[in-house]
């Protein structure tokens, strides 16, 4: 039995992600884990959206969490985020949980 991959995604990205996934599905294609690996270098334009910097000023997030949050774009697994941020995965797990508790994230299941 394969373990479904849970990929974190910022809620500000989710609508666009779902839209792009629907366009892919319309063409009769399905998004798989392999596609995610292949597309790591080409990011859709909507991934350039950002949370307002106020979240740092108001103390909701620190700079590291802010950076991590934007890596949660639906294309990076938690281990990818850890690797790209140069932070141990255990720390990323905690940050992802914190971001989730703040209601900033959704999770996508990839089978």
PDB file of N, CA and C in Angstrom:
ATOM      1  N   UNK A   1       0.845  -1.192   0.000  1.00  0.00           N
ATOM      2  CA  UNK A   1       0.000   0.000   0.000  1.00  0.00           C
ATOM      3  C   UNK A   1       0.880   1.242   0.000  1.00  0.00           C
ATOM      4  N   UNK A   2       0.583   2.151  -0.914  1.00  0.00           N
ATOM      5  CA  UNK A   2       1.355   3.392  -0.982  1.00  0.00           C
ATOM      6  C   UNK A   2       0.825   4.384   0.040  1.00  0.00           C
ATOM      7  N   UNK A   3       1.742   5.088   0.651  1.00  0.00           N
ATOM      8  CA  UNK A   3       1.347   6.120   1.594  1.00  0.00           C
ATOM      9  C   UNK A   3       1.092   7.387   0.778  1.00  0.00           C
ATOM     10  N   UNK A   4      -0.109   7.961   0.909  1.00  0.00           N
ATOM     11  CA  UNK A   4      -0.345   9.184   0.142  1.00  0.00           C
ATOM     12  C   UNK A   4       0.586  10.287   0.636  1.00  0.00           C
ATOM     13  N   UNK A   5       1.039  11.087  -0.287  1.00  0.00           N
ATOM     14  CA  UNK A   5       1.948  12.168   0.033  1.00  0.00           C
ATOM     15  C   UNK A   5       1.109  13.360   0.464  1.00  0.00           C
ATOM     16  N   UNK A   6       1.418  13.929   1.616  1.00  0.00           N
ATOM     17  CA  UNK A   6       0.706  15.125   2.071  1.00  0.00           C
ATOM     18  C   UNK A   6       1.603  16.312   1.790  1.00  0.00           C
ATOM     19  N   UNK A   7       1.132  17.212   0.968  1.00  0.00           N
ATOM     20  CA  UNK A   7       1.936  18.372   0.609  1.00  0.00           C
ATOM     21  C   UNK A   7       1.272  19.624   1.165  1.00  0.00           C
ATOM     22  N   UNK A   8       2.018  20.392   1.960  1.00  0.00           N
ATOM     23  CA  UNK A   8       1.425  21.616   2.508  1.00  0.00           C
ATOM     24  C   UNK A   8       1.320  22.691   1.431  1.00  0.00           C
ATOM     25  N   UNK A   9       0.257  23.475   1.507  1.00  0.00           N
ATOM     26  CA  UNK A   9       0.104  24.593   0.571  1.00  0.00           C
ATOM     27  C   UNK A   9      -0.515  25.770   1.320  1.00  0.00           C
ATOM     28  N   UNK A  10       0.046  26.947   1.112  1.00  0.00           N
ATOM     29  CA  UNK A  10      -0.510  28.159   1.709  1.00  0.00           C
ATOM     30  C   UNK A  10      -1.900  28.384   1.140  1.00  0.00           C
ATOM     31  N   UNK A  11      -2.826  28.811   1.985  1.00  0.00           N
ATOM     32  CA  UNK A  11      -4.189  29.021   1.508  1.00  0.00           C
ATOM     33  C   UNK A  11      -4.260  30.076   0.408  1.00  0.00           C
ATOM     34  N   UNK A  12      -3.324  31.062   0.420  1.00  0.00           N
ATOM     35  CA  UNK A  12      -3.359  32.082  -0.643  1.00  0.00           C
ATOM     36  C   UNK A  12      -3.011  31.483  -2.004  1.00  0.00           C
ATOM     37  N   UNK A  13      -2.359  30.321  -2.011  1.00  0.00           N
ATOM     38  CA  UNK A  13      -2.006  29.662  -3.273  1.00  0.00           C
ATOM     39  C   UNK A  13      -3.054  28.644  -3.704  1.00  0.00           C
ATOM     40  N   UNK A  14      -3.882  28.205  -2.738  1.00  0.00           N
ATOM     41  CA  UNK A  14      -4.712  27.028  -2.982  1.00  0.00           C
ATOM     42  C   UNK A  14      -5.664  27.172  -4.166  1.00  0.00           C
ATOM     43  N   UNK A  15      -6.364  28.296  -4.254  1.00  0.00           N
ATOM     44  CA  UNK A  15      -7.348  28.477  -5.324  1.00  0.00           C
ATOM     45  C   UNK A  15      -6.684  28.331  -6.696  1.00  0.00           C
ATOM     46  N   UNK A  16      -5.522  28.978  -6.855  1.00  0.00           N
ATOM     47  CA  UNK A  16      -4.807  28.909  -8.131  1.00  0.00           C
ATOM     48  C   UNK A  16      -4.289  27.500  -8.395  1.00  0.00           C
ATOM     49  N   UNK A  17      -3.852  26.826  -7.332  1.00  0.00           N
ATOM     50  CA  UNK A  17      -3.347  25.463  -7.475  1.00  0.00           C
ATOM     51  C   UNK A  17      -4.463  24.548  -7.968  1.00  0.00           C
ATOM     52  N   UNK A  18      -5.626  24.671  -7.330  1.00  0.00           N
ATOM     53  CA  UNK A  18      -6.774  23.840  -7.706  1.00  0.00           C
ATOM     54  C   UNK A  18      -7.174  24.136  -9.152  1.00  0.00           C
ATOM     55  N   UNK A  19      -7.164  25.415  -9.526  1.00  0.00           N
ATOM     56  CA  UNK A  19      -7.503  25.806 -10.891  1.00  0.00           C
ATOM     57  C   UNK A  19      -6.532  25.170 -11.886  1.00  0.00           C
ATOM     58  N   UNK A  20      -5.234  25.241 -11.581  1.00  0.00           N
ATOM     59  CA  UNK A  20      -4.255  24.675 -12.515  1.00  0.00           C
ATOM     60  C   UNK A  20      -4.392  23.159 -12.580  1.00  0.00           C
ATOM     61  N   UNK A  21      -4.738  22.548 -11.449  1.00  0.00           N
ATOM     62  CA  UNK A  21      -4.926  21.099 -11.431  1.00  0.00           C
ATOM     63  C   UNK A  21      -6.136  20.714 -12.287  1.00  0.00           C
ATOM     64  N   UNK A  22      -7.195  21.539 -12.219  1.00  0.00           N
ATOM     65  CA  UNK A  22      -8.394  21.272 -13.021  1.00  0.00           C
ATOM     66  C   UNK A  22      -8.088  21.388 -14.506  1.00  0.00           C
ATOM     67  N   UNK A  23      -7.271  22.390 -14.874  1.00  0.00           N
ATOM     68  CA  UNK A  23      -6.905  22.554 -16.281  1.00  0.00           C
ATOM     69  C   UNK A  23      -6.117  21.341 -16.760  1.00  0.00           C
ATOM     70  N   UNK A  24      -5.254  20.828 -15.890  1.00  0.00           N
ATOM     71  CA  UNK A  24      -4.477  19.635 -16.232  1.00  0.00           C
ATOM     72  C   UNK A  24      -5.429  18.451 -16.407  1.00  0.00           C
ATOM     73  N   UNK A  25      -6.386  18.319 -15.479  1.00  0.00           N
ATOM     74  CA  UNK A  25      -7.340  17.209 -15.525  1.00  0.00           C
ATOM     75  C   UNK A  25      -8.218  17.289 -16.775  1.00  0.00           C
ATOM     76  N   UNK A  26      -8.559  18.518 -17.181  1.00  0.00           N
ATOM     77  CA  UNK A  26      -9.373  18.712 -18.378  1.00  0.00           C
ATOM     78  C   UNK A  26      -8.708  18.105 -19.601  1.00  0.00           C
ATOM     79  N   UNK A  27      -7.408  18.184 -19.610  1.00  0.00           N
ATOM     80  CA  UNK A  27      -6.655  17.631 -20.736  1.00  0.00           C
ATOM     81  C   UNK A  27      -6.504  16.116 -20.612  1.00  0.00           C
ATOM     82  N   UNK A  28      -7.153  15.559 -19.574  1.00  0.00           N
ATOM     83  CA  UNK A  28      -7.111  14.111 -19.390  1.00  0.00           C
ATOM     84  C   UNK A  28      -5.848  13.632 -18.701  1.00  0.00           C
ATOM     85  N   UNK A  29      -5.174  14.536 -18.032  1.00  0.00           N
ATOM     86  CA  UNK A  29      -3.948  14.162 -17.332  1.00  0.00           C
ATOM     87  C   UNK A  29      -4.199  14.225 -15.833  1.00  0.00           C
ATOM     88  N   UNK A  30      -3.394  13.497 -15.077  1.00  0.00           N
ATOM     89  CA  UNK A  30      -3.521  13.505 -13.626  1.00  0.00           C
ATOM     90  C   UNK A  30      -2.175  13.913 -13.047  1.00  0.00           C
ATOM     91  N   UNK A  31      -2.230  14.714 -12.009  1.00  0.00           N
ATOM     92  CA  UNK A  31      -1.005  15.162 -11.354  1.00  0.00           C
ATOM     93  C   UNK A  31      -0.459  14.032 -10.491  1.00  0.00           C
ATOM     94  N   UNK A  32       0.771  13.642 -10.732  1.00  0.00           N
ATOM     95  CA  UNK A  32       1.381  12.586  -9.933  1.00  0.00           C
ATOM     96  C   UNK A  32       2.620  13.120  -9.246  1.00  0.00           C
ATOM     97  N   UNK A  33       3.160  12.299  -8.371  1.00  0.00           N
ATOM     98  CA  UNK A  33       4.360  12.683  -7.629  1.00  0.00           C
ATOM     99  C   UNK A  33       5.514  12.977  -8.591  1.00  0.00           C
ATOM    100  N   UNK A  34       5.572  12.212  -9.673  1.00  0.00           N
ATOM    101  CA  UNK A  34       6.647  12.393 -10.654  1.00  0.00           C
ATOM    102  C   UNK A  34       6.574  13.777 -11.306  1.00  0.00           C
ATOM    103  N   UNK A  35       5.353  14.207 -11.604  1.00  0.00           N
ATOM    104  CA  UNK A  35       5.170  15.534 -12.199  1.00  0.00           C
ATOM    105  C   UNK A  35       5.715  16.606 -11.278  1.00  0.00           C
ATOM    106  N   UNK A  36       5.488  16.419  -9.984  1.00  0.00           N
ATOM    107  CA  UNK A  36       5.958  17.407  -9.015  1.00  0.00           C
ATOM    108  C   UNK A  36       7.475  17.490  -9.044  1.00  0.00           C
ATOM    109  N   UNK A  37       8.108  16.343  -9.147  1.00  0.00           N
ATOM    110  CA  UNK A  37       9.577  16.334  -9.183  1.00  0.00           C
ATOM    111  C   UNK A  37      10.083  17.048 -10.436  1.00  0.00           C
ATOM    112  N   UNK A  38       9.397  16.815 -11.554  1.00  0.00           N
ATOM    113  CA  UNK A  38       9.818  17.419 -12.824  1.00  0.00           C
ATOM    114  C   UNK A  38       9.611  18.932 -12.850  1.00  0.00           C
ATOM    115  N   UNK A  39       8.596  19.404 -12.139  1.00  0.00           N
ATOM    116  CA  UNK A  39       8.255  20.822 -12.238  1.00  0.00           C
ATOM    117  C   UNK A  39       8.931  21.679 -11.185  1.00  0.00           C
ATOM    118  N   UNK A  40       9.811  21.101 -10.407  1.00  0.00           N
ATOM    119  CA  UNK A  40      10.432  21.860  -9.325  1.00  0.00           C
ATOM    120  C   UNK A  40      11.091  23.147  -9.803  1.00  0.00           C
ATOM    121  N   UNK A  41      11.607  23.156 -11.019  1.00  0.00           N
ATOM    122  CA  UNK A  41      12.341  24.326 -11.484  1.00  0.00           C
ATOM    123  C   UNK A  41      11.455  25.369 -12.150  1.00  0.00           C
ATOM    124  N   UNK A  42      10.250  24.955 -12.566  1.00  0.00           N
ATOM    125  CA  UNK A  42       9.367  25.926 -13.213  1.00  0.00           C
ATOM    126  C   UNK A  42       8.176  26.131 -12.305  1.00  0.00           C
ATOM    127  N   UNK A  43       8.120  27.290 -11.701  1.00  0.00           N
ATOM    128  CA  UNK A  43       7.004  27.553 -10.793  1.00  0.00           C
ATOM    129  C   UNK A  43       5.949  28.386 -11.507  1.00  0.00           C
ATOM    130  N   UNK A  44       4.687  28.063 -11.253  1.00  0.00           N
ATOM    131  CA  UNK A  44       3.621  28.884 -11.830  1.00  0.00           C
ATOM    132  C   UNK A  44       3.720  30.318 -11.294  1.00  0.00           C
ATOM    133  N   UNK A  45       3.168  31.262 -12.044  1.00  0.00           N
ATOM    134  CA  UNK A  45       3.274  32.668 -11.647  1.00  0.00           C
ATOM    135  C   UNK A  45       2.595  32.941 -10.312  1.00  0.00           C
ATOM    136  N   UNK A  46       1.524  32.205  -9.997  1.00  0.00           N
ATOM    137  CA  UNK A  46       0.832  32.494  -8.742  1.00  0.00           C
ATOM    138  C   UNK A  46       1.667  32.202  -7.503  1.00  0.00           C
ATOM    139  N   UNK A  47       2.755  31.458  -7.640  1.00  0.00           N
ATOM    140  CA  UNK A  47       3.587  31.186  -6.459  1.00  0.00           C
ATOM    141  C   UNK A  47       4.358  32.428  -6.029  1.00  0.00           C
ATOM    142  N   UNK A  48       4.267  33.498  -6.813  1.00  0.00           N
ATOM    143  CA  UNK A  48       4.944  34.729  -6.404  1.00  0.00           C
ATOM    144  C   UNK A  48       4.069  35.578  -5.476  1.00  0.00           C
ATOM    145  N   UNK A  49       2.824  35.144  -5.234  1.00  0.00           N
ATOM    146  CA  UNK A  49       1.968  35.842  -4.259  1.00  0.00           C
ATOM    147  C   UNK A  49       2.648  35.757  -2.899  1.00  0.00           C
ATOM    148  N   UNK A  50       2.451  36.759  -2.076  1.00  0.00           N
ATOM    149  CA  UNK A  50       3.065  36.763  -0.753  1.00  0.00           C
ATOM    150  C   UNK A  50       2.052  37.136   0.316  1.00  0.00           C
ATOM    151  N   UNK A  51       2.264  36.599   1.502  1.00  0.00           N
ATOM    152  CA  UNK A  51       1.494  37.032   2.661  1.00  0.00           C
ATOM    153  C   UNK A  51       1.934  38.463   2.957  1.00  0.00           C
ATOM    154  N   UNK A  52       1.067  39.285   3.543  1.00  0.00           N
ATOM    155  CA  UNK A  52       1.499  40.643   3.874  1.00  0.00           C
ATOM    156  C   UNK A  52       2.612  40.612   4.927  1.00  0.00           C
ATOM    157  N   UNK A  53       3.559  41.533   4.812  1.00  0.00           N
ATOM    158  CA  UNK A  53       4.671  41.576   5.766  1.00  0.00           C
ATOM    159  C   UNK A  53       4.195  41.889   7.183  1.00  0.00           C
ATOM    160  N   UNK A  54       2.962  42.358   7.310  1.00  0.00           N
ATOM    161  CA  UNK A  54       2.407  42.649   8.633  1.00  0.00           C
ATOM    162  C   UNK A  54       2.433  41.428   9.536  1.00  0.00           C
ATOM    163  N   UNK A  55       2.327  40.232   8.950  1.00  0.00           N
ATOM    164  CA  UNK A  55       2.300  39.027   9.787  1.00  0.00           C
ATOM    165  C   UNK A  55       3.587  38.904  10.597  1.00  0.00           C
ATOM    166  N   UNK A  56       4.687  39.452  10.067  1.00  0.00           N
ATOM    167  CA  UNK A  56       5.952  39.443  10.806  1.00  0.00           C
ATOM    168  C   UNK A  56       5.914  40.572  11.838  1.00  0.00           C
ATOM    169  N   UNK A  57       5.524  41.771  11.385  1.00  0.00           N
ATOM    170  CA  UNK A  57       5.483  42.944  12.264  1.00  0.00           C
ATOM    171  C   UNK A  57       4.567  42.710  13.467  1.00  0.00           C
ATOM    172  N   UNK A  58       3.462  42.024  13.228  1.00  0.00           N
ATOM    173  CA  UNK A  58       2.508  41.784  14.311  1.00  0.00           C
ATOM    174  C   UNK A  58       2.878  40.574  15.157  1.00  0.00           C
ATOM    175  N   UNK A  59       3.956  39.906  14.770  1.00  0.00           N
ATOM    176  CA  UNK A  59       4.441  38.802  15.594  1.00  0.00           C
ATOM    177  C   UNK A  59       3.770  37.461  15.362  1.00  0.00           C
ATOM    178  N   UNK A  60       2.947  37.340  14.312  1.00  0.00           N
ATOM    179  CA  UNK A  60       2.337  36.039  14.016  1.00  0.00           C
ATOM    180  C   UNK A  60       3.400  35.062  13.536  1.00  0.00           C
ATOM    181  N   UNK A  61       4.309  35.548  12.698  1.00  0.00           N
ATOM    182  CA  UNK A  61       5.369  34.707  12.145  1.00  0.00           C
ATOM    183  C   UNK A  61       6.709  35.405  12.311  1.00  0.00           C
ATOM    184  N   UNK A  62       7.778  34.596  12.440  1.00  0.00           N
ATOM    185  CA  UNK A  62       9.105  35.203  12.367  1.00  0.00           C
ATOM    186  C   UNK A  62       9.563  35.105  10.909  1.00  0.00           C
ATOM    187  N   UNK A  63      10.726  35.693  10.606  1.00  0.00           N
ATOM    188  CA  UNK A  63      11.179  35.724   9.202  1.00  0.00           C
ATOM    189  C   UNK A  63      11.367  34.327   8.625  1.00  0.00           C
ATOM    190  N   UNK A  64      11.859  33.412   9.466  1.00  0.00           N
ATOM    191  CA  UNK A  64      12.100  32.040   8.997  1.00  0.00           C
ATOM    192  C   UNK A  64      10.764  31.377   8.637  1.00  0.00           C
ATOM    193  N   UNK A  65       9.775  31.521   9.525  1.00  0.00           N
ATOM    194  CA  UNK A  65       8.462  30.920   9.266  1.00  0.00           C
ATOM    195  C   UNK A  65       7.827  31.530   8.016  1.00  0.00           C
ATOM    196  N   UNK A  66       8.051  32.820   7.820  1.00  0.00           N
ATOM    197  CA  UNK A  66       7.510  33.519   6.649  1.00  0.00           C
ATOM    198  C   UNK A  66       8.089  32.908   5.374  1.00  0.00           C
ATOM    199  N   UNK A  67       9.406  32.677   5.398  1.00  0.00           N
ATOM    200  CA  UNK A  67      10.077  32.078   4.235  1.00  0.00           C
ATOM    201  C   UNK A  67       9.557  30.652   4.000  1.00  0.00           C
ATOM    202  N   UNK A  68       9.467  29.881   5.084  1.00  0.00           N
ATOM    203  CA  UNK A  68       8.984  28.498   4.998  1.00  0.00           C
ATOM    204  C   UNK A  68       7.554  28.476   4.457  1.00  0.00           C
ATOM    205  N   UNK A  69       6.725  29.394   4.935  1.00  0.00           N
ATOM    206  CA  UNK A  69       5.321  29.437   4.511  1.00  0.00           C
ATOM    207  C   UNK A  69       5.210  29.534   2.993  1.00  0.00           C
ATOM    208  N   UNK A  70       6.086  30.348   2.377  1.00  0.00           N
ATOM    209  CA  UNK A  70       5.991  30.535   0.928  1.00  0.00           C
ATOM    210  C   UNK A  70       6.587  29.366   0.143  1.00  0.00           C
ATOM    211  N   UNK A  71       7.338  28.510   0.826  1.00  0.00           N
ATOM    212  CA  UNK A  71       7.811  27.287   0.166  1.00  0.00           C
ATOM    213  C   UNK A  71       6.685  26.255   0.126  1.00  0.00           C
ATOM    214  N   UNK A  72       5.666  26.457   0.955  1.00  0.00           N
ATOM    215  CA  UNK A  72       4.506  25.562   0.956  1.00  0.00           C
ATOM    216  C   UNK A  72       3.603  25.984  -0.204  1.00  0.00           C
ATOM    217  N   UNK A  73       4.021  25.607  -1.412  1.00  0.00           N
ATOM    218  CA  UNK A  73       3.323  26.067  -2.614  1.00  0.00           C
ATOM    219  C   UNK A  73       2.604  24.940  -3.347  1.00  0.00           C
ATOM    220  N   UNK A  74       2.511  23.779  -2.698  1.00  0.00           N
ATOM    221  CA  UNK A  74       1.839  22.658  -3.350  1.00  0.00           C
ATOM    222  C   UNK A  74       2.775  21.854  -4.226  1.00  0.00           C
ATOM    223  N   UNK A  75       4.019  22.310  -4.372  1.00  0.00           N
ATOM    224  CA  UNK A  75       4.996  21.585  -5.183  1.00  0.00           C
ATOM    225  C   UNK A  75       6.138  21.041  -4.336  1.00  0.00           C
ATOM    226  N   UNK A  76       6.270  21.531  -3.109  1.00  0.00           N
ATOM    227  CA  UNK A  76       7.348  21.080  -2.226  1.00  0.00           C
ATOM    228  C   UNK A  76       6.785  20.174  -1.136  1.00  0.00           C
ATOM    229  N   UNK A  77       7.344  18.987  -1.007  1.00  0.00           N
ATOM    230  CA  UNK A  77       6.985  18.143   0.129  1.00  0.00           C
ATOM    231  C   UNK A  77       7.681  18.740   1.343  1.00  0.00           C
ATOM    232  N   UNK A  78       7.340  18.241   2.528  1.00  0.00           N
ATOM    233  CA  UNK A  78       7.967  18.775   3.739  1.00  0.00           C
ATOM    234  C   UNK A  78       9.473  18.555   3.697  1.00  0.00           C
ATOM    235  N   UNK A  79       9.910  17.410   3.175  1.00  0.00           N
ATOM    236  CA  UNK A  79      11.359  17.174   3.108  1.00  0.00           C
ATOM    237  C   UNK A  79      12.025  18.102   2.090  1.00  0.00           C
ATOM    238  N   UNK A  80      11.322  18.430   0.994  1.00  0.00           N
ATOM    239  CA  UNK A  80      11.853  19.401   0.016  1.00  0.00           C
ATOM    240  C   UNK A  80      12.019  20.774   0.659  1.00  0.00           C
ATOM    241  N   UNK A  81      11.014  21.152   1.454  1.00  0.00           N
ATOM    242  CA  UNK A  81      11.058  22.457   2.124  1.00  0.00           C
ATOM    243  C   UNK A  81      12.254  22.502   3.067  1.00  0.00           C
ATOM    244  N   UNK A  82      12.444  21.407   3.823  1.00  0.00           N
ATOM    245  CA  UNK A  82      13.562  21.345   4.770  1.00  0.00           C
ATOM    246  C   UNK A  82      14.889  21.496   4.035  1.00  0.00           C
ATOM    247  N   UNK A  83      14.997  20.788   2.916  1.00  0.00           N
ATOM    248  CA  UNK A  83      16.232  20.816   2.128  1.00  0.00           C
ATOM    249  C   UNK A  83      16.491  22.223   1.571  1.00  0.00           C
ATOM    250  N   UNK A  84      15.458  22.813   0.993  1.00  0.00           N
ATOM    251  CA  UNK A  84      15.623  24.134   0.379  1.00  0.00           C
ATOM    252  C   UNK A  84      15.912  25.222   1.412  1.00  0.00           C
ATOM    253  N   UNK A  85      15.320  25.073   2.600  1.00  0.00           N
ATOM    254  CA  UNK A  85      15.518  26.086   3.639  1.00  0.00           C
ATOM    255  C   UNK A  85      16.795  25.825   4.435  1.00  0.00           C
ATOM    256  N   UNK A  86      17.362  24.627   4.271  1.00  0.00           N
ATOM    257  CA  UNK A  86      18.565  24.279   5.019  1.00  0.00           C
ATOM    258  C   UNK A  86      18.288  24.122   6.504  1.00  0.00           C
ATOM    259  N   UNK A  87      17.120  23.580   6.811  1.00  0.00           N
ATOM    260  CA  UNK A  87      16.684  23.413   8.196  1.00  0.00           C
ATOM    261  C   UNK A  87      16.332  21.940   8.400  1.00  0.00           C
ATOM    262  N   UNK A  88      16.640  21.373   9.580  1.00  0.00           N
ATOM    263  CA  UNK A  88      16.275  19.959   9.813  1.00  0.00           C
ATOM    264  C   UNK A  88      14.762  19.741   9.653  1.00  0.00           C
ATOM    265  N   UNK A  89      14.414  18.573   9.126  1.00  0.00           N
ATOM    266  CA  UNK A  89      12.999  18.303   8.851  1.00  0.00           C
ATOM    267  C   UNK A  89      12.146  18.371  10.114  1.00  0.00           C
ATOM    268  N   UNK A  90      12.720  17.977  11.259  1.00  0.00           N
ATOM    269  CA  UNK A  90      11.945  18.020  12.504  1.00  0.00           C
ATOM    270  C   UNK A  90      11.502  19.457  12.814  1.00  0.00           C
ATOM    271  N   UNK A  91      12.391  20.425  12.536  1.00  0.00           N
ATOM    272  CA  UNK A  91      12.038  21.842  12.753  1.00  0.00           C
ATOM    273  C   UNK A  91      10.948  22.274  11.784  1.00  0.00           C
ATOM    274  N   UNK A  92      11.068  21.804  10.543  1.00  0.00           N
ATOM    275  CA  UNK A  92      10.068  22.158   9.528  1.00  0.00           C
ATOM    276  C   UNK A  92       8.709  21.584   9.927  1.00  0.00           C
ATOM    277  N   UNK A  93       8.707  20.335  10.432  1.00  0.00           N
ATOM    278  CA  UNK A  93       7.446  19.720  10.875  1.00  0.00           C
ATOM    279  C   UNK A  93       6.757  20.611  11.904  1.00  0.00           C
ATOM    280  N   UNK A  94       7.546  21.114  12.857  1.00  0.00           N
ATOM    281  CA  UNK A  94       6.998  21.976  13.913  1.00  0.00           C
ATOM    282  C   UNK A  94       6.461  23.275  13.300  1.00  0.00           C
ATOM    283  N   UNK A  95       7.252  23.871  12.389  1.00  0.00           N
ATOM    284  CA  UNK A  95       6.816  25.127  11.751  1.00  0.00           C
ATOM    285  C   UNK A  95       5.549  24.925  10.933  1.00  0.00           C
ATOM    286  N   UNK A  96       5.498  23.807  10.197  1.00  0.00           N
ATOM    287  CA  UNK A  96       4.311  23.510   9.385  1.00  0.00           C
ATOM    288  C   UNK A  96       3.094  23.360  10.308  1.00  0.00           C
ATOM    289  N   UNK A  97       3.279  22.683  11.445  1.00  0.00           N
ATOM    290  CA  UNK A  97       2.181  22.547  12.412  1.00  0.00           C
ATOM    291  C   UNK A  97       1.736  23.916  12.922  1.00  0.00           C
ATOM    292  N   UNK A  98       2.725  24.782  13.235  1.00  0.00           N
ATOM    293  CA  UNK A  98       2.398  26.130  13.720  1.00  0.00           C
ATOM    294  C   UNK A  98       1.624  26.919  12.667  1.00  0.00           C
ATOM    295  N   UNK A  99       2.093  26.842  11.416  1.00  0.00           N
ATOM    296  CA  UNK A  99       1.417  27.554  10.323  1.00  0.00           C
ATOM    297  C   UNK A  99       0.003  27.011  10.130  1.00  0.00           C
ATOM    298  N   UNK A 100      -0.135  25.694  10.305  1.00  0.00           N
ATOM    299  CA  UNK A 100      -1.440  25.056  10.183  1.00  0.00           C
ATOM    300  C   UNK A 100      -2.354  25.539  11.315  1.00  0.00           C
ATOM    301  N   UNK A 101      -1.790  25.616  12.537  1.00  0.00           N
ATOM    302  CA  UNK A 101      -2.574  26.086  13.684  1.00  0.00           C
ATOM    303  C   UNK A 101      -3.059  27.521  13.476  1.00  0.00           C
ATOM    304  N   UNK A 102      -2.253  28.319  12.779  1.00  0.00           N
ATOM    305  CA  UNK A 102      -2.645  29.705  12.485  1.00  0.00           C
ATOM    306  C   UNK A 102      -3.685  29.766  11.363  1.00  0.00           C
ATOM    307  N   UNK A 103      -3.971  28.613  10.767  1.00  0.00           N
ATOM    308  CA  UNK A 103      -4.981  28.560   9.710  1.00  0.00           C
ATOM    309  C   UNK A 103      -4.471  29.032   8.358  1.00  0.00           C
ATOM    310  N   UNK A 104      -3.148  28.997   8.167  1.00  0.00           N
ATOM    311  CA  UNK A 104      -2.574  29.480   6.904  1.00  0.00           C
ATOM    312  C   UNK A 104      -2.421  28.382   5.858  1.00  0.00           C
ATOM    313  N   UNK A 105      -2.477  27.117   6.295  1.00  0.00           N
ATOM    314  CA  UNK A 105      -2.178  26.021   5.373  1.00  0.00           C
ATOM    315  C   UNK A 105      -3.364  25.110   5.120  1.00  0.00           C
ATOM    316  N   UNK A 106      -3.290  24.451   3.991  1.00  0.00           N
ATOM    317  CA  UNK A 106      -4.147  23.308   3.657  1.00  0.00           C
ATOM    318  C   UNK A 106      -3.174  22.206   3.277  1.00  0.00           C
ATOM    319  N   UNK A 107      -3.651  20.991   3.193  1.00  0.00           N
ATOM    320  CA  UNK A 107      -2.785  19.899   2.763  1.00  0.00           C
ATOM    321  C   UNK A 107      -3.402  19.203   1.567  1.00  0.00           C
ATOM    322  N   UNK A 108      -2.551  18.888   0.606  1.00  0.00           N
ATOM    323  CA  UNK A 108      -2.989  18.212  -0.609  1.00  0.00           C
ATOM    324  C   UNK A 108      -2.527  16.767  -0.509  1.00  0.00           C
ATOM    325  N   UNK A 109      -3.421  15.844  -0.784  1.00  0.00           N
ATOM    326  CA  UNK A 109      -3.036  14.430  -0.786  1.00  0.00           C
ATOM    327  C   UNK A 109      -2.731  14.009  -2.204  1.00  0.00           C
ATOM    328  N   UNK A 110      -1.542  13.469  -2.410  1.00  0.00           N
ATOM    329  CA  UNK A 110      -1.152  12.952  -3.721  1.00  0.00           C
ATOM    330  C   UNK A 110      -0.972  11.453  -3.563  1.00  0.00           C
ATOM    331  N   UNK A 111      -1.706  10.697  -4.379  1.00  0.00           N
ATOM    332  CA  UNK A 111      -1.598   9.233  -4.246  1.00  0.00           C
ATOM    333  C   UNK A 111      -0.578   8.698  -5.203  1.00  0.00           C
TER     334      UNK A 111
END
